[in-house]
PDB file of N, CA and C in Angstrom:
ATOM      1  N   MET A   1       5.981  -6.780  20.123  1.00  0.00           N
ATOM      2  CA  MET A   1       4.634  -6.514  19.712  1.00  0.00           C
ATOM      3  C   MET A   1       4.426  -7.094  18.318  1.00  0.00           C
ATOM      4  N   TRP A   2       3.294  -7.684  18.112  1.00  0.00           N
ATOM      5  CA  TRP A   2       2.865  -8.120  16.789  1.00  0.00           C
ATOM      6  C   TRP A   2       2.046  -6.992  16.191  1.00  0.00           C
ATOM      7  N   HIS A   3       2.132  -6.821  14.867  1.00  0.00           N
ATOM      8  CA  HIS A   3       1.460  -5.708  14.211  1.00  0.00           C
ATOM      9  C   HIS A   3       0.980  -6.170  12.845  1.00  0.00           C
ATOM     10  N   ALA A   4      -0.320  -6.007  12.606  1.00  0.00           N
ATOM     11  CA  ALA A   4      -0.888  -6.283  11.281  1.00  0.00           C
ATOM     12  C   ALA A   4      -1.480  -4.991  10.754  1.00  0.00           C
ATOM     13  N   SER A   5      -1.138  -4.633   9.530  1.00  0.00           N
ATOM     14  CA  SER A   5      -1.696  -3.463   8.854  1.00  0.00           C
ATOM     15  C   SER A   5      -2.411  -3.953   7.610  1.00  0.00           C
ATOM     16  N   ILE A   6      -3.688  -3.631   7.504  1.00  0.00           N
ATOM     17  CA  ILE A   6      -4.497  -4.117   6.396  1.00  0.00           C
ATOM     18  C   ILE A   6      -5.140  -2.929   5.692  1.00  0.00           C
ATOM     19  N   SER A   7      -4.996  -2.897   4.380  1.00  0.00           N
ATOM     20  CA  SER A   7      -5.590  -1.836   3.570  1.00  0.00           C
ATOM     21  C   SER A   7      -6.368  -2.482   2.446  1.00  0.00           C
ATOM     22  N   GLY A   8      -7.484  -1.895   2.108  1.00  0.00           N
ATOM     23  CA  GLY A   8      -8.266  -2.424   0.991  1.00  0.00           C
ATOM     24  C   GLY A   8      -9.313  -1.428   0.564  1.00  0.00           C
ATOM     25  N   PHE A   9      -9.169  -0.896  -0.623  1.00  0.00           N
ATOM     26  CA  PHE A   9     -10.098   0.100  -1.128  1.00  0.00           C
ATOM     27  C   PHE A   9     -11.503  -0.484  -1.196  1.00  0.00           C
ATOM     28  N   GLY A  10     -12.439   0.190  -0.574  1.00  0.00           N
ATOM     29  CA  GLY A  10     -13.833  -0.229  -0.633  1.00  0.00           C
ATOM     30  C   GLY A  10     -14.236  -1.284   0.379  1.00  0.00           C
ATOM     31  N   LEU A  11     -13.298  -1.808   1.153  1.00  0.00           N
ATOM     32  CA  LEU A  11     -13.645  -2.805   2.157  1.00  0.00           C
ATOM     33  C   LEU A  11     -14.132  -2.120   3.421  1.00  0.00           C
ATOM     34  N   SER A  12     -15.091  -2.724   4.079  1.00  0.00           N
ATOM     35  CA  SER A  12     -15.616  -2.148   5.315  1.00  0.00           C
ATOM     36  C   SER A  12     -14.605  -2.289   6.446  1.00  0.00           C
ATOM     37  N   GLY A  13     -14.771  -1.464   7.466  1.00  0.00           N
ATOM     38  CA  GLY A  13     -13.916  -1.551   8.644  1.00  0.00           C
ATOM     39  C   GLY A  13     -13.994  -2.918   9.289  1.00  0.00           C
ATOM     40  N   ASP A  14     -15.196  -3.522   9.288  1.00  0.00           N
ATOM     41  CA  ASP A  14     -15.355  -4.852   9.879  1.00  0.00           C
ATOM     42  C   ASP A  14     -14.557  -5.900   9.108  1.00  0.00           C
ATOM     43  N   THR A  15     -14.542  -5.782   7.786  1.00  0.00           N
ATOM     44  CA  THR A  15     -13.792  -6.726   6.960  1.00  0.00           C
ATOM     45  C   THR A  15     -12.296  -6.561   7.180  1.00  0.00           C
ATOM     46  N   LEU A  16     -11.825  -5.305   7.199  1.00  0.00           N
ATOM     47  CA  LEU A  16     -10.404  -5.058   7.448  1.00  0.00           C
ATOM     48  C   LEU A  16      -9.995  -5.621   8.801  1.00  0.00           C
ATOM     49  N   ARG A  17     -10.833  -5.398   9.807  1.00  0.00           N
ATOM     50  CA  ARG A  17     -10.534  -5.900  11.155  1.00  0.00           C
ATOM     51  C   ARG A  17     -10.458  -7.422  11.159  1.00  0.00           C
ATOM     52  N   ALA A  18     -11.400  -8.074  10.495  1.00  0.00           N
ATOM     53  CA  ALA A  18     -11.416  -9.542  10.453  1.00  0.00           C
ATOM     54  C   ALA A  18     -10.144 -10.077   9.792  1.00  0.00           C
ATOM     55  N   VAL A  19      -9.696  -9.432   8.720  1.00  0.00           N
ATOM     56  CA  VAL A  19      -8.478  -9.870   8.030  1.00  0.00           C
ATOM     57  C   VAL A  19      -7.262  -9.664   8.929  1.00  0.00           C
ATOM     58  N   ALA A  20      -7.198  -8.513   9.605  1.00  0.00           N
ATOM     59  CA  ALA A  20      -6.065  -8.234  10.498  1.00  0.00           C
ATOM     60  C   ALA A  20      -6.018  -9.242  11.645  1.00  0.00           C
ATOM     61  N   LEU A  21      -7.163  -9.521  12.237  1.00  0.00           N
ATOM     62  CA  LEU A  21      -7.188 -10.472  13.349  1.00  0.00           C
ATOM     63  C   LEU A  21      -6.824 -11.878  12.876  1.00  0.00           C
ATOM     64  N   ARG A  22      -7.248 -12.238  11.679  1.00  0.00           N
ATOM     65  CA  ARG A  22      -6.874 -13.544  11.129  1.00  0.00           C
ATOM     66  C   ARG A  22      -5.366 -13.618  10.927  1.00  0.00           C
ATOM     67  N   ALA A  23      -4.754 -12.510  10.508  1.00  0.00           N
ATOM     68  CA  ALA A  23      -3.296 -12.482  10.303  1.00  0.00           C
ATOM     69  C   ALA A  23      -2.548 -12.692  11.615  1.00  0.00           C
ATOM     70  N   LEU A  24      -3.185 -12.330  12.722  1.00  0.00           N
ATOM     71  CA  LEU A  24      -2.541 -12.463  14.034  1.00  0.00           C
ATOM     72  C   LEU A  24      -2.936 -13.741  14.771  1.00  0.00           C
ATOM     73  N   ASP A  25      -3.724 -14.586  14.118  1.00  0.00           N
ATOM     74  CA  ASP A  25      -4.111 -15.858  14.750  1.00  0.00           C
ATOM     75  C   ASP A  25      -2.882 -16.625  15.201  1.00  0.00           C
ATOM     76  N   GLY A  26      -2.886 -17.053  16.447  1.00  0.00           N
ATOM     77  CA  GLY A  26      -1.823 -17.915  16.959  1.00  0.00           C
ATOM     78  C   GLY A  26      -0.590 -17.199  17.468  1.00  0.00           C
ATOM     79  N   VAL A  27      -0.593 -15.862  17.431  1.00  0.00           N
ATOM     80  CA  VAL A  27       0.552 -15.125  17.948  1.00  0.00           C
ATOM     81  C   VAL A  27       0.073 -14.069  18.937  1.00  0.00           C
ATOM     82  N   GLY A  28       0.939 -13.746  19.870  1.00  0.00           N
ATOM     83  CA  GLY A  28       0.621 -12.697  20.834  1.00  0.00           C
ATOM     84  C   GLY A  28      -0.469 -13.099  21.805  1.00  0.00           C
ATOM     85  N   ASP A  29      -0.777 -12.155  22.692  1.00  0.00           N
ATOM     86  CA  ASP A  29      -1.815 -12.367  23.704  1.00  0.00           C
ATOM     87  C   ASP A  29      -2.634 -11.088  23.826  1.00  0.00           C
ATOM     88  N   ALA A  30      -3.797 -11.097  23.203  1.00  0.00           N
ATOM     89  CA  ALA A  30      -4.663  -9.913  23.209  1.00  0.00           C
ATOM     90  C   ALA A  30      -5.094  -9.541  24.623  1.00  0.00           C
ATOM     91  N   THR A  31      -5.129 -10.509  25.540  1.00  0.00           N
ATOM     92  CA  THR A  31      -5.548 -10.190  26.910  1.00  0.00           C
ATOM     93  C   THR A  31      -4.502  -9.356  27.637  1.00  0.00           C
ATOM     94  N   LEU A  32      -3.246  -9.383  27.148  1.00  0.00           N
ATOM     95  CA  LEU A  32      -2.191  -8.551  27.732  1.00  0.00           C
ATOM     96  C   LEU A  32      -2.190  -7.148  27.137  1.00  0.00           C
ATOM     97  N   GLY A  33      -2.872  -6.983  26.015  1.00  0.00           N
ATOM     98  CA  GLY A  33      -2.976  -5.678  25.371  1.00  0.00           C
ATOM     99  C   GLY A  33      -3.100  -5.812  23.871  1.00  0.00           C
ATOM    100  N   GLN A  34      -4.097  -5.141  23.332  1.00  0.00           N
ATOM    101  CA  GLN A  34      -4.294  -5.095  21.889  1.00  0.00           C
ATOM    102  C   GLN A  34      -4.870  -3.733  21.553  1.00  0.00           C
ATOM    103  N   TRP A  35      -4.314  -3.094  20.507  1.00  0.00           N
ATOM    104  CA  TRP A  35      -4.745  -1.756  20.117  1.00  0.00           C
ATOM    105  C   TRP A  35      -5.097  -1.760  18.650  1.00  0.00           C
ATOM    106  N   GLU A  36      -6.170  -1.066  18.312  1.00  0.00           N
ATOM    107  CA  GLU A  36      -6.591  -0.947  16.921  1.00  0.00           C
ATOM    108  C   GLU A  36      -6.651   0.532  16.571  1.00  0.00           C
ATOM    109  N   GLU A  37      -6.138   0.849  15.391  1.00  0.00           N
ATOM    110  CA  GLU A  37      -6.095   2.244  14.959  1.00  0.00           C
ATOM    111  C   GLU A  37      -6.374   2.311  13.465  1.00  0.00           C
ATOM    112  N   ARG A  38      -7.268   3.174  13.078  1.00  0.00           N
ATOM    113  CA  ARG A  38      -7.539   3.393  11.652  1.00  0.00           C
ATOM    114  C   ARG A  38      -6.634   4.523  11.185  1.00  0.00           C
ATOM    115  N   GLY A  39      -5.664   4.198  10.367  1.00  0.00           N
ATOM    116  CA  GLY A  39      -4.740   5.186   9.838  1.00  0.00           C
ATOM    117  C   GLY A  39      -5.244   5.746   8.514  1.00  0.00           C
ATOM    118  N   ARG A  40      -4.427   6.562   7.907  1.00  0.00           N
ATOM    119  CA  ARG A  40      -4.776   7.188   6.629  1.00  0.00           C
ATOM    120  C   ARG A  40      -4.917   6.146   5.520  1.00  0.00           C
ATOM    121  N   LEU A  41      -4.069   5.119   5.548  1.00  0.00           N
ATOM    122  CA  LEU A  41      -4.071   4.118   4.487  1.00  0.00           C
ATOM    123  C   LEU A  41      -4.526   2.732   4.920  1.00  0.00           C
ATOM    124  N   ALA A  42      -4.511   2.468   6.216  1.00  0.00           N
ATOM    125  CA  ALA A  42      -4.768   1.099   6.652  1.00  0.00           C
ATOM    126  C   ALA A  42      -5.339   1.054   8.065  1.00  0.00           C
ATOM    127  N   LEU A  43      -5.874  -0.100   8.392  1.00  0.00           N
ATOM    128  CA  LEU A  43      -6.263  -0.405   9.768  1.00  0.00           C
ATOM    129  C   LEU A  43      -5.074  -1.123  10.393  1.00  0.00           C
ATOM    130  N   HIS A  44      -4.664  -0.682  11.561  1.00  0.00           N
ATOM    131  CA  HIS A  44      -3.524  -1.271  12.264  1.00  0.00           C
ATOM    132  C   HIS A  44      -4.025  -1.967  13.525  1.00  0.00           C
ATOM    133  N   VAL A  45      -3.594  -3.191  13.717  1.00  0.00           N
ATOM    134  CA  VAL A  45      -3.877  -3.915  14.956  1.00  0.00           C
ATOM    135  C   VAL A  45      -2.528  -4.308  15.547  1.00  0.00           C
ATOM    136  N   ARG A  46      -2.309  -3.884  16.779  1.00  0.00           N
ATOM    137  CA  ARG A  46      -1.062  -4.192  17.489  1.00  0.00           C
ATOM    138  C   ARG A  46      -1.408  -5.043  18.706  1.00  0.00           C
ATOM    139  N   ARG A  47      -0.595  -6.035  18.941  1.00  0.00           N
ATOM    140  CA  ARG A  47      -0.872  -6.967  20.042  1.00  0.00           C
ATOM    141  C   ARG A  47       0.423  -7.277  20.777  1.00  0.00           C
ATOM    142  N   ARG A  48       0.335  -7.326  22.102  1.00  0.00           N
ATOM    143  CA  ARG A  48       1.506  -7.677  22.917  1.00  0.00           C
ATOM    144  C   ARG A  48       1.913  -9.126  22.690  1.00  0.00           C
ATOM    145  N   LEU A  49       3.200  -9.374  22.888  1.00  0.00           N
ATOM    146  CA  LEU A  49       3.732 -10.731  22.820  1.00  0.00           C
ATOM    147  C   LEU A  49       3.203 -11.557  23.991  1.00  0.00           C
ATOM    148  N   THR A  50       3.179 -12.873  23.808  1.00  0.00           N
ATOM    149  CA  THR A  50       2.918 -13.748  24.945  1.00  0.00           C
ATOM    150  C   THR A  50       4.155 -13.706  25.844  1.00  0.00           C
ATOM    151  N   ILE A  51       4.022 -14.201  27.055  1.00  0.00           N
ATOM    152  CA  ILE A  51       5.169 -14.244  27.966  1.00  0.00           C
ATOM    153  C   ILE A  51       6.281 -15.097  27.362  1.00  0.00           C
ATOM    154  N   ASP A  52       5.920 -16.229  26.754  1.00  0.00           N
ATOM    155  CA  ASP A  52       6.916 -17.103  26.142  1.00  0.00           C
ATOM    156  C   ASP A  52       7.596 -16.413  24.950  1.00  0.00           C
ATOM    157  N   GLU A  53       6.826 -15.711  24.118  1.00  0.00           N
ATOM    158  CA  GLU A  53       7.420 -14.991  22.982  1.00  0.00           C
ATOM    159  C   GLU A  53       8.410 -13.936  23.467  1.00  0.00           C
ATOM    160  N   ALA A  54       8.044 -13.214  24.531  1.00  0.00           N
ATOM    161  CA  ALA A  54       8.926 -12.174  25.077  1.00  0.00           C
ATOM    162  C   ALA A  54      10.230 -12.792  25.593  1.00  0.00           C
ATOM    163  N   ARG A  55      10.139 -13.958  26.215  1.00  0.00           N
ATOM    164  CA  ARG A  55      11.353 -14.639  26.697  1.00  0.00           C
ATOM    165  C   ARG A  55      12.278 -15.008  25.535  1.00  0.00           C
ATOM    166  N   ARG A  56      11.681 -15.488  24.434  1.00  0.00           N
ATOM    167  CA  ARG A  56      12.489 -15.930  23.286  1.00  0.00           C
ATOM    168  C   ARG A  56      13.237 -14.782  22.620  1.00  0.00           C
ATOM    169  N   VAL A  57      12.774 -13.553  22.781  1.00  0.00           N
ATOM    170  CA  VAL A  57      13.471 -12.408  22.177  1.00  0.00           C
ATOM    171  C   VAL A  57      14.228 -11.603  23.224  1.00  0.00           C
ATOM    172  N   ASP A  58      14.472 -12.232  24.369  1.00  0.00           N
ATOM    173  CA  ASP A  58      15.231 -11.598  25.449  1.00  0.00           C
ATOM    174  C   ASP A  58      14.536 -10.360  26.001  1.00  0.00           C
ATOM    175  N   GLY A  59      13.234 -10.438  26.145  1.00  0.00           N
ATOM    176  CA  GLY A  59      12.478  -9.338  26.734  1.00  0.00           C
ATOM    177  C   GLY A  59      11.991  -8.351  25.685  1.00  0.00           C
ATOM    178  N   VAL A  60      11.052  -7.535  26.098  1.00  0.00           N
ATOM    179  CA  VAL A  60      10.435  -6.555  25.219  1.00  0.00           C
ATOM    180  C   VAL A  60      11.171  -5.230  25.364  1.00  0.00           C
ATOM    181  N   LYS A  61      11.460  -4.597  24.231  1.00  0.00           N
ATOM    182  CA  LYS A  61      12.167  -3.320  24.237  1.00  0.00           C
ATOM    183  C   LYS A  61      11.448  -2.332  23.328  1.00  0.00           C
ATOM    184  N   ASP A  62      11.363  -1.086  23.737  1.00  0.00           N
ATOM    185  CA  ASP A  62      10.798  -0.032  22.904  1.00  0.00           C
ATOM    186  C   ASP A  62      11.957   0.616  22.148  1.00  0.00           C
ATOM    187  N   ILE A  63      12.004   0.404  20.840  1.00  0.00           N
ATOM    188  CA  ILE A  63      13.124   0.922  20.049  1.00  0.00           C
ATOM    189  C   ILE A  63      12.746   2.169  19.250  1.00  0.00           C
ATOM    190  N   ARG A  64      11.515   2.667  19.444  1.00  0.00           N
ATOM    191  CA  ARG A  64      11.098   3.844  18.672  1.00  0.00           C
ATOM    192  C   ARG A  64      12.075   4.998  18.882  1.00  0.00           C
ATOM    193  N   GLY A  65      12.413   5.666  17.782  1.00  0.00           N
ATOM    194  CA  GLY A  65      13.298   6.815  17.856  1.00  0.00           C
ATOM    195  C   GLY A  65      14.770   6.482  18.022  1.00  0.00           C
ATOM    196  N   THR A  66      15.118   5.210  17.914  1.00  0.00           N
ATOM    197  CA  THR A  66      16.516   4.808  18.086  1.00  0.00           C
ATOM    198  C   THR A  66      17.150   4.510  16.723  1.00  0.00           C
ATOM    199  N   PRO A  67      18.473   4.482  16.667  1.00  0.00           N
ATOM    200  CA  PRO A  67      19.134   4.093  15.412  1.00  0.00           C
ATOM    201  C   PRO A  67      18.697   2.698  14.950  1.00  0.00           C
ATOM    202  N   ASP A  68      18.424   1.792  15.888  1.00  0.00           N
ATOM    203  CA  ASP A  68      17.984   0.453  15.518  1.00  0.00           C
ATOM    204  C   ASP A  68      16.634   0.510  14.806  1.00  0.00           C
ATOM    205  N   ALA A  69      15.729   1.361  15.260  1.00  0.00           N
ATOM    206  CA  ALA A  69      14.424   1.485  14.607  1.00  0.00           C
ATOM    207  C   ALA A  69      14.588   1.977  13.174  1.00  0.00           C
ATOM    208  N   LEU A  70      15.446   2.958  12.971  1.00  0.00           N
ATOM    209  CA  LEU A  70      15.679   3.475  11.621  1.00  0.00           C
ATOM    210  C   LEU A  70      16.305   2.411  10.727  1.00  0.00           C
ATOM    211  N   LYS A  71      17.239   1.637  11.271  1.00  0.00           N
ATOM    212  CA  LYS A  71      17.875   0.561  10.511  1.00  0.00           C
ATOM    213  C   LYS A  71      16.836  -0.480  10.083  1.00  0.00           C
ATOM    214  N   ARG A  72      15.927  -0.833  10.976  1.00  0.00           N
ATOM    215  CA  ARG A  72      14.881  -1.806  10.646  1.00  0.00           C
ATOM    216  C   ARG A  72      13.940  -1.246   9.588  1.00  0.00           C
ATOM    217  N   PHE A  73      13.603   0.048   9.727  1.00  0.00           N
ATOM    218  CA  PHE A  73      12.719   0.682   8.748  1.00  0.00           C
ATOM    219  C   PHE A  73      13.363   0.663   7.363  1.00  0.00           C
ATOM    220  N   GLU A  74      14.644   0.967   7.291  1.00  0.00           N
ATOM    221  CA  GLU A  74      15.337   0.987   6.004  1.00  0.00           C
ATOM    222  C   GLU A  74      15.353  -0.401   5.357  1.00  0.00           C
ATOM    223  N   ARG A  75      15.449  -1.463   6.162  1.00  0.00           N
ATOM    224  CA  ARG A  75      15.398  -2.826   5.611  1.00  0.00           C
ATOM    225  C   ARG A  75      14.013  -3.129   5.041  1.00  0.00           C
ATOM    226  N   MET A  76      12.969  -2.504   5.589  1.00  0.00           N
ATOM    227  CA  MET A  76      11.601  -2.747   5.122  1.00  0.00           C
ATOM    228  C   MET A  76      11.206  -1.849   3.955  1.00  0.00           C
ATOM    229  N   ARG A  77      11.933  -0.752   3.765  1.00  0.00           N
ATOM    230  CA  ARG A  77      11.552   0.236   2.746  1.00  0.00           C
ATOM    231  C   ARG A  77      11.243  -0.376   1.379  1.00  0.00           C
ATOM    232  N   PRO A  78      12.037  -1.361   0.876  1.00  0.00           N
ATOM    233  CA  PRO A  78      11.724  -1.920  -0.452  1.00  0.00           C
ATOM    234  C   PRO A  78      10.353  -2.590  -0.518  1.00  0.00           C
ATOM    235  N   HIS A  79       9.775  -2.939   0.613  1.00  0.00           N
ATOM    236  CA  HIS A  79       8.496  -3.640   0.641  1.00  0.00           C
ATOM    237  C   HIS A  79       7.321  -2.691   0.861  1.00  0.00           C
ATOM    238  N   LEU A  80       7.600  -1.404   1.042  1.00  0.00           N
ATOM    239  CA  LEU A  80       6.565  -0.409   1.322  1.00  0.00           C
ATOM    240  C   LEU A  80       6.200   0.344   0.046  1.00  0.00           C
ATOM    241  N   PRO A  81       4.990   0.931   0.027  1.00  0.00           N
ATOM    242  CA  PRO A  81       4.617   1.718  -1.157  1.00  0.00           C
ATOM    243  C   PRO A  81       5.595   2.872  -1.381  1.00  0.00           C
ATOM    244  N   ARG A  82       5.827   3.202  -2.629  1.00  0.00           N
ATOM    245  CA  ARG A  82       6.728   4.306  -2.990  1.00  0.00           C
ATOM    246  C   ARG A  82       6.295   5.590  -2.257  1.00  0.00           C
ATOM    247  N   GLY A  83       7.242   6.285  -1.672  1.00  0.00           N
ATOM    248  CA  GLY A  83       6.948   7.533  -0.989  1.00  0.00           C
ATOM    249  C   GLY A  83       6.517   7.378   0.459  1.00  0.00           C
ATOM    250  N   TRP A  84       6.456   6.146   0.961  1.00  0.00           N
ATOM    251  CA  TRP A  84       6.033   5.917   2.341  1.00  0.00           C
ATOM    252  C   TRP A  84       6.962   6.653   3.302  1.00  0.00           C
ATOM    253  N   THR A  85       6.398   7.402   4.209  1.00  0.00           N
ATOM    254  CA  THR A  85       7.229   8.181   5.130  1.00  0.00           C
ATOM    255  C   THR A  85       6.914   7.923   6.593  1.00  0.00           C
ATOM    256  N   GLU A  86       5.867   7.160   6.854  1.00  0.00           N
ATOM    257  CA  GLU A  86       5.460   6.956   8.247  1.00  0.00           C
ATOM    258  C   GLU A  86       6.472   6.081   8.966  1.00  0.00           C
ATOM    259  N   ILE A  87       7.071   6.622  10.000  1.00  0.00           N
ATOM    260  CA  ILE A  87       7.982   5.863  10.855  1.00  0.00           C
ATOM    261  C   ILE A  87       7.760   6.348  12.273  1.00  0.00           C
ATOM    262  N   ILE A  88       7.673   5.418  13.170  1.00  0.00           N
ATOM    263  CA  ILE A  88       7.434   5.767  14.568  1.00  0.00           C
ATOM    264  C   ILE A  88       8.664   5.429  15.370  1.00  0.00           C
TER     265      ILE A  88
END
């Protein structure tokens, strides 16, 4: 899954959405599934991989709640705002 999270104080929902969709230009396939969610801090847009992208990563796997998900989150922690606790 491709995922863009966009936050901007004072920006309209339409502007946040446009920025998120621009970030996902050229990746994934929205016709296979795309979800938008307004979170506490950001607008999140998630999009399924294309069939070719899924093949290149040896298929799609749901890693939520696994040790691998926690390991990936810990690698990203230095890039997240201080105190960030959201992990799925």
